[in-house]
Structures are given as structure tokens and as C-alpha cells.
């Protein structure tokens, strides 16, 4: 039996309110559960040092699948220098956006403190189709991607054209 879709992604942030505000206002996510965590149960289940506590804010997009859990842990937040795309672990968070809304999302992300790496651009993915996407950094320097995907019909048409079969 396979496990379910990703339920949520937990992101460590330096300022819970600032981060929650960014995801709420720039992405339109809705705040749901706000809680504090700590104690022996959490320490054991997550392998945390004794005395670790944190403030948590969950945010939800249009569905309940793929929530964001923002956590501000006690102590001083740090960012370890990264090798970027060669660093093992999470590289980016990617959000699907309808094509007609991509420019508006870009403007909101910039307005609310996101630092764009690119403006929205069109890229052909072999055997898939054209995507439109842009990347930015959130207030804690996490890499975010916003992508508009081709329709099933566009994918089929590209594959048929590539194979020359017209199917």
C-alpha cells in the first residue's frame, strides 16, 4: 500500500509572523493551526535536543494537501552556507499557478518581500511541453518556484508532433 501524498512541508523560519505574513499575502495561503511545540514527546519523535521548543503556524493553499508548517525554534536561527543545487536535501518549494495568474503572483511576491531570481519565463521541457515559471527567495532565503504547467492536451500534442505519429 503506498503512502499518501505529502501532507505538509516544515520550514524553519527566523520570524514566524513575518514568514506567515509573506505566505499569506504573497501566495494567498490561509492560516490554519497555530500552536507551540516542545517537551519529551516532540524531542523524542523528531530527534531534537532536550529543551527545544518552537512556535508553529500551518498554512493551507486551495486544498488541504501540501500544507506549509512554519516553525520558529527557540535559540538563534542560522543559515549554513549551501552549495545550492548540489547540496543534498530540499532544493526548493514549487507552487503550481494557473498561467493567467502567474504575472499577478510575481507582482505579489515582489510586493511582499520576495527576491526574484528571474521574471516569469517560458521553458520547453522535453517530452512534456512548455512551462512558464519564475523563482524567488522568501524572507528567510528559501528558494521558491512558481510554475504554470501545460494542459494534458498540450502535452499530447507535443508528444504526437515529436513522434511524428500524429496520435
Foldseek 3Di string as FASTA:
>chain_A
DDDDAAQEDEDEDADVVLQVVLCCFLVVWAKDDKDKDADDVCCVVVVHDHPKIWIWIWTGDPDSGYIYIYIHIPDGDDDDDAPAPVGPDDRAAEAEDAPVCQQVSVVSNVVSPWAWPDRWDWDQDPLFGIKTKTWTAHPRGGIYMYIYGDDPVRSVCVNCVVVVPVD
